[in-house]
Amino acid sequence: MSKIHPLIILNSSHEAPSSSTASTSSCSNKYMTSKRETFTIWMKSLVMQGNGCTAFDESGEIVYRIDNYDNKHSNEVYLMDLRGKLLFTVREKKMCGFLSWEGYKSNTFVGANRPMFRVRKSCRGILGNNECSYKVSMGSETSCSYKLEALGGKSSAFRITDSNGGFVAEAKRKQSSSGVVLGDDVLSLVVEAHVDHSLIMALVTVYGLIRHQL
């Protein structure tokens, strides 16, 4: 059986694009490091292998998890650390036929205050084709702070960039040490240095909701 925790070591010939500046003033040092990090994302819960998500660090340790006990698509999920501490509540909302997603920090009562971030779909037509991405606005800001875009149509791969187009994070299907591409539900996530990992995982959660994986 192939291990699903990170086995790929980034080097100068395989690095993702560098970033100018990609950080947020609200991030906690506990979830932010001074070097680029690689995580393995398994779009499954370890609880009965049901709907959810489990994130492993480079040592193969579980660092984030989502356990959804409902087999149906959920409109509210909870991002936790290994010990079950709530980090983010992510809610899917529908208004006037349009979907959006809101993320609340653990110490914020959902519905009582503004969300920490809000994600909305942004589509544009190019030569008859629709190109879709998602705008991420932080706090009370209405401008785009980050952009989340799919890589390759219906693929589970995606990229997150900042307002200047700088690299923040990218997820692609994971390869085993022998070069075998694993299933569409096993991703290798690269996060730029000085970026809040928990915030990126909250956006991974949003993408899972968009793809009806959670």
Protein backbone atom coordinates (compact mmCIF):
# COMPACT_ATOMS: atom_id res chain seq x y z
CA MET A 1 0.00 0.00 0.00
CA SER A 2 1.35 3.43 -0.91
CA LYS A 3 1.91 5.94 1.86
CA ILE A 4 -0.16 9.05 1.38
CA HIS A 5 1.87 11.47 3.48
CA PRO A 6 4.34 13.74 1.65
CA LEU A 7 7.33 11.99 0.14
CA ILE A 8 8.22 14.58 -2.51
CA ILE A 9 11.01 16.99 -1.59
CA LEU A 10 10.94 20.34 -3.38
CA ASN A 11 14.20 21.47 -4.93
CA SER A 12 15.29 24.26 -7.20
CA SER A 13 14.22 22.39 -10.33
CA HIS A 14 10.73 21.52 -9.09
CA GLU A 15 9.69 24.53 -7.07
CA ALA A 16 6.34 26.21 -7.49
CA PRO A 17 6.40 29.86 -8.59
CA SER A 18 7.82 32.22 -5.97
CA SER A 19 5.71 34.85 -4.29
CA SER A 20 6.32 38.53 -3.79
CA THR A 21 4.50 38.86 -0.50
CA ALA A 22 1.79 36.48 0.63
CA SER A 23 0.73 36.86 4.23
CA THR A 24 -2.16 38.06 6.28
CA SER A 25 -2.01 40.22 9.39
CA SER A 26 -4.55 38.01 11.13
CA CYS A 27 -2.53 34.80 11.00
CA SER A 28 -1.13 33.14 14.09
CA ASN A 29 2.56 32.15 14.31
CA LYS A 30 1.47 28.67 15.33
CA TYR A 31 0.09 28.13 11.83
CA MET A 32 2.76 30.00 9.91
CA THR A 33 6.38 29.14 9.16
CA SER A 34 9.31 30.87 7.51
CA LYS A 35 9.68 28.21 4.81
CA ARG A 36 7.53 26.69 2.12
CA GLU A 37 5.58 23.71 3.44
CA THR A 38 4.12 20.64 1.76
CA PHE A 39 1.00 18.88 3.02
CA THR A 40 -0.90 15.84 1.83
CA ILE A 41 -4.65 16.32 1.59
CA TRP A 42 -6.84 13.23 1.66
CA MET A 43 -10.46 14.10 0.90
CA LYS A 44 -11.73 11.51 3.36
CA SER A 45 -12.47 11.48 7.04
CA LEU A 46 -10.64 8.98 9.24
CA VAL A 47 -13.96 8.42 11.04
CA MET A 48 -15.36 5.38 9.25
CA GLN A 49 -13.62 6.76 6.12
CA GLY A 50 -16.68 8.93 5.56
CA ASN A 51 -17.08 12.37 4.04
CA GLY A 52 -14.50 14.82 5.27
CA CYS A 53 -10.86 15.76 4.87
CA THR A 54 -7.58 14.84 6.56
CA ALA A 55 -4.34 16.82 6.16
CA PHE A 56 -0.88 15.40 6.90
CA ASP A 57 2.35 17.35 7.32
CA GLU A 58 5.71 16.38 5.81
CA SER A 59 6.34 13.94 8.67
CA GLY A 60 3.09 12.11 8.03
CA GLU A 61 1.41 13.52 11.15
CA ILE A 62 -2.23 14.59 11.03
CA VAL A 63 -2.47 18.35 11.46
CA TYR A 64 -6.00 19.22 10.24
CA ARG A 65 -9.21 17.29 9.88
CA ILE A 66 -12.87 17.60 8.95
CA ASP A 67 -15.29 14.88 10.02
CA ASN A 68 -18.69 15.04 8.35
CA TYR A 69 -20.99 12.38 9.71
CA ASP A 70 -23.65 13.13 7.09
CA ASN A 71 -23.27 11.29 3.78
CA LYS A 72 -25.03 14.14 1.98
CA HIS A 73 -23.47 17.41 0.81
CA SER A 74 -23.23 19.69 3.83
CA ASN A 75 -23.68 23.47 3.90
CA GLU A 76 -21.68 23.89 7.10
CA VAL A 77 -18.44 22.14 8.02
CA TYR A 78 -15.88 22.51 10.82
CA LEU A 79 -12.13 22.61 10.32
CA MET A 80 -10.28 21.23 13.35
CA ASP A 81 -6.76 20.40 14.39
CA LEU A 82 -5.71 16.87 15.33
CA ARG A 83 -7.06 17.17 18.88
CA GLY A 84 -10.45 18.42 17.71
CA LYS A 85 -9.92 22.11 18.44
CA LEU A 86 -12.22 24.15 16.20
CA LEU A 87 -10.26 26.49 13.90
CA PHE A 88 -12.82 27.59 11.30
CA THR A 89 -16.51 27.18 10.62
CA VAL A 90 -17.20 27.33 6.89
CA ARG A 91 -20.75 27.95 5.69
CA GLU A 92 -22.25 27.74 2.23
CA LYS A 93 -24.88 30.39 1.55
CA LYS A 94 -27.30 30.94 -1.31
CA MET A 95 -28.74 34.36 -2.07
CA CYS A 96 -30.72 35.30 -5.19
CA GLY A 97 -29.63 32.04 -6.78
CA PHE A 98 -25.90 32.70 -6.27
CA LEU A 99 -23.68 30.65 -3.98
CA SER A 100 -21.05 32.08 -1.65
CA TRP A 101 -18.99 30.66 1.18
CA GLU A 102 -18.08 32.31 4.49
CA GLY A 103 -15.36 31.40 6.97
CA TYR A 104 -15.58 32.22 10.68
CA LYS A 105 -12.72 31.88 13.15
CA SER A 106 -13.19 29.56 16.10
CA ASN A 107 -13.75 32.43 18.54
CA THR A 108 -16.41 34.10 16.36
CA PHE A 109 -20.07 33.33 16.87
CA VAL A 110 -21.41 32.40 13.43
CA GLY A 111 -23.99 34.91 12.25
CA ALA A 112 -23.24 37.44 14.99
CA ASN A 113 -20.22 39.05 13.34
CA ARG A 114 -18.70 39.50 9.94
CA PRO A 115 -16.90 36.42 8.64
CA MET A 116 -13.12 36.41 8.45
CA PHE A 117 -13.37 35.71 4.72
CA ARG A 118 -15.98 35.40 1.99
CA VAL A 119 -15.64 33.48 -1.29
CA ARG A 120 -17.65 34.27 -4.42
CA LYS A 121 -17.61 32.81 -7.91
CA SER A 122 -16.25 34.91 -10.75
CA CYS A 123 -16.78 33.83 -14.36
CA ARG A 124 -15.87 35.40 -17.66
CA GLY A 125 -16.33 34.26 -21.22
CA ILE A 126 -13.26 33.89 -23.43
CA LEU A 127 -13.86 32.97 -27.09
CA GLY A 128 -17.03 31.14 -26.19
CA ASN A 129 -15.53 29.32 -23.20
CA ASN A 130 -16.35 30.10 -19.60
CA GLU A 131 -13.35 30.55 -17.34
CA CYS A 132 -14.32 30.36 -13.68
CA SER A 133 -12.41 31.33 -10.60
CA TYR A 134 -13.33 32.38 -7.07
CA LYS A 135 -12.62 35.70 -5.38
CA VAL A 136 -11.66 35.65 -1.70
CA SER A 137 -12.35 38.83 0.30
CA MET A 138 -10.94 39.17 3.80
CA GLY A 139 -12.95 40.68 6.67
CA SER A 140 -14.96 43.74 5.72
CA GLU A 141 -13.00 44.28 2.51
CA THR A 142 -14.97 44.12 -0.73
CA SER A 143 -11.93 43.95 -3.01
CA CYS A 144 -10.32 40.66 -3.94
CA SER A 145 -7.58 39.61 -1.49
CA TYR A 146 -6.94 36.18 -3.00
CA LYS A 147 -8.06 34.23 -6.06
CA LEU A 148 -8.83 30.51 -6.05
CA GLU A 149 -8.86 28.85 -9.47
CA ALA A 150 -9.21 25.29 -10.68
CA LEU A 151 -6.40 23.76 -12.71
CA GLY A 152 -7.60 21.68 -15.62
CA GLY A 153 -11.39 21.68 -15.85
CA LYS A 154 -12.97 19.12 -13.53
CA SER A 155 -9.67 18.25 -11.90
CA SER A 156 -9.40 18.51 -8.11
CA ALA A 157 -6.17 20.53 -8.56
CA PHE A 158 -6.29 24.24 -7.78
CA ARG A 159 -4.13 27.30 -7.17
CA ILE A 160 -4.43 30.25 -4.77
CA THR A 161 -2.83 33.57 -5.67
CA ASP A 162 -2.80 36.98 -3.99
CA SER A 163 -4.22 40.22 -5.38
CA ASN A 164 -0.99 40.81 -7.32
CA GLY A 165 -0.99 37.34 -8.86
CA GLY A 166 1.75 36.10 -6.52
CA PHE A 167 1.89 32.42 -5.56
CA VAL A 168 0.23 31.53 -2.24
CA ALA A 169 -0.63 27.82 -2.48
CA GLU A 170 -1.18 25.08 -5.03
CA ALA A 171 -2.68 21.59 -4.84
CA LYS A 172 -2.18 18.83 -7.40
CA ARG A 173 -2.76 15.09 -7.48
CA LYS A 174 -0.09 13.40 -5.43
CA GLN A 175 2.51 11.04 -6.82
CA SER A 176 3.92 8.14 -4.83
CA SER A 177 7.67 7.73 -4.39
CA SER A 178 7.64 5.37 -7.39
CA GLY A 179 5.94 7.98 -9.59
CA VAL A 180 2.44 6.51 -9.51
CA VAL A 181 -0.28 9.19 -9.59
CA LEU A 182 -2.69 8.55 -6.72
CA GLY A 183 -6.45 8.98 -6.80
CA ASP A 184 -8.23 12.26 -7.44
CA ASP A 185 -8.96 12.55 -3.71
CA VAL A 186 -5.29 12.58 -2.65
CA LEU A 187 -3.56 15.92 -3.22
CA SER A 188 -0.14 17.39 -2.57
CA LEU A 189 -0.57 20.93 -1.22
CA VAL A 190 2.34 23.40 -1.35
CA VAL A 191 1.96 26.52 0.82
CA GLU A 192 4.25 29.53 0.50
CA ALA A 193 6.33 30.74 3.45
CA HIS A 194 4.79 33.26 5.88
CA VAL A 195 1.24 32.18 4.97
CA ASP A 196 -1.30 31.04 7.56
CA HIS A 197 -1.73 27.29 6.94
CA SER A 198 -5.06 27.18 8.76
CA LEU A 199 -6.47 29.88 6.47
CA ILE A 200 -5.31 27.94 3.40
CA MET A 201 -6.92 24.80 4.81
CA ALA A 202 -10.15 26.77 5.29
CA LEU A 203 -10.00 27.67 1.58
CA VAL A 204 -9.30 24.00 0.77
CA THR A 205 -12.48 23.31 2.73
CA VAL A 206 -14.38 25.80 0.56
CA TYR A 207 -13.08 24.07 -2.58
CA GLY A 208 -14.23 20.74 -1.17
CA LEU A 209 -17.72 22.20 -0.70
CA ILE A 210 -17.68 23.60 -4.23
CA ARG A 211 -16.85 20.12 -5.59
CA HIS A 212 -19.41 18.46 -3.27
CA GLN A 213 -16.68 16.41 -1.58
CA LEU A 214 -17.70 17.45 1.95
